[in-house]
Amino acid sequence: MRIVRTARAEEDLIEIWSYIAKENEAAADRTLDALERKTRLLGLHPQ
């Protein structure tokens, strides 16, 4: 399954990263990495 990110979803991810990065940039990076992994898994195993 192909996952398509909307422009709004991209903006949300940037906002999430920015919010977390205010306190801990490394944690913000890890959070987005985890979200990316989960998104990829969803595309591979949609059910």
PDB file of N, CA and C in Angstrom:
ATOM      1  N   MET A   1       0.851  -1.170   0.000  1.00  0.00           N
ATOM      2  CA  MET A   1       0.000   0.000   0.000  1.00  0.00           C
ATOM      3  C   MET A   1       0.899   1.237   0.000  1.00  0.00           C
ATOM      4  N   ARG A   2       0.522   2.208  -0.762  1.00  0.00           N
ATOM      5  CA  ARG A   2       1.281   3.457  -0.838  1.00  0.00           C
ATOM      6  C   ARG A   2       0.690   4.467   0.141  1.00  0.00           C
ATOM      7  N   ILE A   3       1.536   5.030   0.976  1.00  0.00           N
ATOM      8  CA  ILE A   3       1.112   6.051   1.929  1.00  0.00           C
ATOM      9  C   ILE A   3       1.461   7.415   1.341  1.00  0.00           C
ATOM     10  N   VAL A   4       0.476   8.294   1.285  1.00  0.00           N
ATOM     11  CA  VAL A   4       0.687   9.642   0.759  1.00  0.00           C
ATOM     12  C   VAL A   4       0.504  10.637   1.897  1.00  0.00           C
ATOM     13  N   ARG A   5       1.511  11.460   2.108  1.00  0.00           N
ATOM     14  CA  ARG A   5       1.425  12.498   3.143  1.00  0.00           C
ATOM     15  C   ARG A   5       0.924  13.790   2.534  1.00  0.00           C
ATOM     16  N   THR A   6      -0.098  14.325   3.123  1.00  0.00           N
ATOM     17  CA  THR A   6      -0.625  15.603   2.649  1.00  0.00           C
ATOM     18  C   THR A   6       0.279  16.740   3.131  1.00  0.00           C
ATOM     19  N   ALA A   7       0.091  17.885   2.530  1.00  0.00           N
ATOM     20  CA  ALA A   7       0.846  19.066   2.963  1.00  0.00           C
ATOM     21  C   ALA A   7       0.540  19.372   4.426  1.00  0.00           C
ATOM     22  N   ARG A   8      -0.713  19.202   4.819  1.00  0.00           N
ATOM     23  CA  ARG A   8      -1.096  19.463   6.216  1.00  0.00           C
ATOM     24  C   ARG A   8      -0.406  18.483   7.156  1.00  0.00           C
ATOM     25  N   ALA A   9      -0.284  17.233   6.751  1.00  0.00           N
ATOM     26  CA  ALA A   9       0.411  16.245   7.578  1.00  0.00           C
ATOM     27  C   ALA A   9       1.876  16.632   7.748  1.00  0.00           C
ATOM     28  N   GLU A  10       2.499  17.097   6.677  1.00  0.00           N
ATOM     29  CA  GLU A  10       3.893  17.548   6.759  1.00  0.00           C
ATOM     30  C   GLU A  10       4.022  18.719   7.730  1.00  0.00           C
ATOM     31  N   GLU A  11       3.077  19.651   7.644  1.00  0.00           N
ATOM     32  CA  GLU A  11       3.089  20.799   8.562  1.00  0.00           C
ATOM     33  C   GLU A  11       2.932  20.332  10.009  1.00  0.00           C
ATOM     34  N   ASP A  12       2.043  19.365  10.222  1.00  0.00           N
ATOM     35  CA  ASP A  12       1.843  18.829  11.570  1.00  0.00           C
ATOM     36  C   ASP A  12       3.128  18.201  12.107  1.00  0.00           C
ATOM     37  N   LEU A  13       3.823  17.459  11.261  1.00  0.00           N
ATOM     38  CA  LEU A  13       5.075  16.831  11.690  1.00  0.00           C
ATOM     39  C   LEU A  13       6.121  17.880  12.061  1.00  0.00           C
ATOM     40  N   ILE A  14       6.181  18.944  11.287  1.00  0.00           N
ATOM     41  CA  ILE A  14       7.114  20.029  11.599  1.00  0.00           C
ATOM     42  C   ILE A  14       6.745  20.671  12.933  1.00  0.00           C
ATOM     43  N   GLU A  15       5.450  20.873  13.151  1.00  0.00           N
ATOM     44  CA  GLU A  15       4.998  21.456  14.419  1.00  0.00           C
ATOM     45  C   GLU A  15       5.318  20.539  15.599  1.00  0.00           C
ATOM     46  N   ILE A  16       5.108  19.246  15.412  1.00  0.00           N
ATOM     47  CA  ILE A  16       5.431  18.276  16.466  1.00  0.00           C
ATOM     48  C   ILE A  16       6.914  18.336  16.775  1.00  0.00           C
ATOM     49  N   TRP A  17       7.740  18.306  15.716  1.00  0.00           N
ATOM     50  CA  TRP A  17       9.186  18.348  15.919  1.00  0.00           C
ATOM     51  C   TRP A  17       9.591  19.636  16.641  1.00  0.00           C
ATOM     52  N   SER A  18       9.072  20.750  16.196  1.00  0.00           N
ATOM     53  CA  SER A  18       9.431  22.042  16.792  1.00  0.00           C
ATOM     54  C   SER A  18       9.054  22.109  18.265  1.00  0.00           C
ATOM     55  N   TYR A  19       7.884  21.614  18.602  1.00  0.00           N
ATOM     56  CA  TYR A  19       7.423  21.638  19.990  1.00  0.00           C
ATOM     57  C   TYR A  19       8.357  20.817  20.882  1.00  0.00           C
ATOM     58  N   ILE A  20       8.673  19.610  20.452  1.00  0.00           N
ATOM     59  CA  ILE A  20       9.542  18.744  21.253  1.00  0.00           C
ATOM     60  C   ILE A  20      10.964  19.287  21.280  1.00  0.00           C
ATOM     61  N   ALA A  21      11.428  19.817  20.157  1.00  0.00           N
ATOM     62  CA  ALA A  21      12.810  20.292  20.039  1.00  0.00           C
ATOM     63  C   ALA A  21      13.109  21.476  20.942  1.00  0.00           C
ATOM     64  N   LYS A  22      12.083  22.201  21.362  1.00  0.00           N
ATOM     65  CA  LYS A  22      12.313  23.313  22.293  1.00  0.00           C
ATOM     66  C   LYS A  22      13.014  22.832  23.554  1.00  0.00           C
ATOM     67  N   GLU A  23      12.697  21.616  23.963  1.00  0.00           N
ATOM     68  CA  GLU A  23      13.292  21.039  25.171  1.00  0.00           C
ATOM     69  C   GLU A  23      14.419  20.062  24.855  1.00  0.00           C
ATOM     70  N   ASN A  24      14.262  19.333  23.731  1.00  0.00           N
ATOM     71  CA  ASN A  24      15.220  18.263  23.459  1.00  0.00           C
ATOM     72  C   ASN A  24      15.191  17.918  21.965  1.00  0.00           C
ATOM     73  N   GLU A  25      16.160  18.435  21.234  1.00  0.00           N
ATOM     74  CA  GLU A  25      16.197  18.224  19.785  1.00  0.00           C
ATOM     75  C   GLU A  25      16.388  16.754  19.423  1.00  0.00           C
ATOM     76  N   ALA A  26      17.211  16.053  20.180  1.00  0.00           N
ATOM     77  CA  ALA A  26      17.431  14.630  19.898  1.00  0.00           C
ATOM     78  C   ALA A  26      16.136  13.840  20.079  1.00  0.00           C
ATOM     79  N   ALA A  27      15.368  14.171  21.092  1.00  0.00           N
ATOM     80  CA  ALA A  27      14.085  13.496  21.313  1.00  0.00           C
ATOM     81  C   ALA A  27      13.119  13.804  20.177  1.00  0.00           C
ATOM     82  N   ALA A  28      13.152  15.020  19.675  1.00  0.00           N
ATOM     83  CA  ALA A  28      12.297  15.388  18.545  1.00  0.00           C
ATOM     84  C   ALA A  28      12.668  14.556  17.321  1.00  0.00           C
ATOM     85  N   ASP A  29      13.961  14.398  17.085  1.00  0.00           N
ATOM     86  CA  ASP A  29      14.419  13.571  15.963  1.00  0.00           C
ATOM     87  C   ASP A  29      13.955  12.128  16.129  1.00  0.00           C
ATOM     88  N   ARG A  30      14.102  11.594  17.336  1.00  0.00           N
ATOM     89  CA  ARG A  30      13.688  10.210  17.599  1.00  0.00           C
ATOM     90  C   ARG A  30      12.185  10.034  17.401  1.00  0.00           C
ATOM     91  N   THR A  31      11.424  11.018  17.808  1.00  0.00           N
ATOM     92  CA  THR A  31       9.971  10.941  17.661  1.00  0.00           C
ATOM     93  C   THR A  31       9.577  10.882  16.194  1.00  0.00           C
ATOM     94  N   LEU A  32      10.157  11.757  15.388  1.00  0.00           N
ATOM     95  CA  LEU A  32       9.818  11.733  13.961  1.00  0.00           C
ATOM     96  C   LEU A  32      10.323  10.463  13.289  1.00  0.00           C
ATOM     97  N   ASP A  33      11.487   9.968  13.714  1.00  0.00           N
ATOM     98  CA  ASP A  33      11.980   8.694  13.179  1.00  0.00           C
ATOM     99  C   ASP A  33      11.005   7.565  13.497  1.00  0.00           C
ATOM    100  N   ALA A  34      10.498   7.541  14.728  1.00  0.00           N
ATOM    101  CA  ALA A  34       9.546   6.503  15.125  1.00  0.00           C
ATOM    102  C   ALA A  34       8.249   6.612  14.327  1.00  0.00           C
ATOM    103  N   LEU A  35       7.766   7.821  14.135  1.00  0.00           N
ATOM    104  CA  LEU A  35       6.555   8.009  13.333  1.00  0.00           C
ATOM    105  C   LEU A  35       6.770   7.547  11.894  1.00  0.00           C
ATOM    106  N   GLU A  36       7.945   7.826  11.352  1.00  0.00           N
ATOM    107  CA  GLU A  36       8.265   7.394   9.988  1.00  0.00           C
ATOM    108  C   GLU A  36       8.288   5.868   9.894  1.00  0.00           C
ATOM    109  N   ARG A  37       8.896   5.214  10.877  1.00  0.00           N
ATOM    110  CA  ARG A  37       8.934   3.745  10.880  1.00  0.00           C
ATOM    111  C   ARG A  37       7.522   3.165  10.940  1.00  0.00           C
ATOM    112  N   LYS A  38       6.697   3.721  11.805  1.00  0.00           N
ATOM    113  CA  LYS A  38       5.317   3.225  11.933  1.00  0.00           C
ATOM    114  C   LYS A  38       4.530   3.456  10.648  1.00  0.00           C
ATOM    115  N   THR A  39       4.763   4.572   9.994  1.00  0.00           N
ATOM    116  CA  THR A  39       4.077   4.859   8.733  1.00  0.00           C
ATOM    117  C   THR A  39       4.494   3.853   7.668  1.00  0.00           C
ATOM    118  N   ARG A  40       5.803   3.560   7.609  1.00  0.00           N
ATOM    119  CA  ARG A  40       6.285   2.570   6.643  1.00  0.00           C
ATOM    120  C   ARG A  40       5.667   1.204   6.912  1.00  0.00           C
ATOM    121  N   LEU A  41       5.589   0.819   8.190  1.00  0.00           N
ATOM    122  CA  LEU A  41       4.986  -0.467   8.545  1.00  0.00           C
ATOM    123  C   LEU A  41       3.519  -0.520   8.136  1.00  0.00           C
ATOM    124  N   LEU A  42       2.818   0.569   8.321  1.00  0.00           N
ATOM    125  CA  LEU A  42       1.419   0.632   7.909  1.00  0.00           C
ATOM    126  C   LEU A  42       1.297   0.393   6.407  1.00  0.00           C
ATOM    127  N   GLY A  43       2.204   0.962   5.640  1.00  0.00           N
ATOM    128  CA  GLY A  43       2.183   0.758   4.199  1.00  0.00           C
ATOM    129  C   GLY A  43       2.472  -0.680   3.804  1.00  0.00           C
ATOM    130  N   LEU A  44       3.333  -1.335   4.569  1.00  0.00           N
ATOM    131  CA  LEU A  44       3.682  -2.728   4.278  1.00  0.00           C
ATOM    132  C   LEU A  44       2.619  -3.705   4.764  1.00  0.00           C
ATOM    133  N   HIS A  45       1.972  -3.374   5.870  1.00  0.00           N
ATOM    134  CA  HIS A  45       0.988  -4.265   6.496  1.00  0.00           C
ATOM    135  C   HIS A  45      -0.272  -3.471   6.849  1.00  0.00           C
ATOM    136  N   PRO A  46      -1.074  -3.130   5.864  1.00  0.00           N
ATOM    137  CA  PRO A  46      -2.211  -2.240   6.107  1.00  0.00           C
ATOM    138  C   PRO A  46      -3.335  -2.845   6.955  1.00  0.00           C
ATOM    139  N   GLN A  47      -3.332  -4.155   7.141  1.00  0.00           N
ATOM    140  CA  GLN A  47      -4.424  -4.737   7.927  1.00  0.00           C
ATOM    141  C   GLN A  47      -3.940  -5.093   9.260  1.00  0.00           C
TER     142      GLN A  47
END
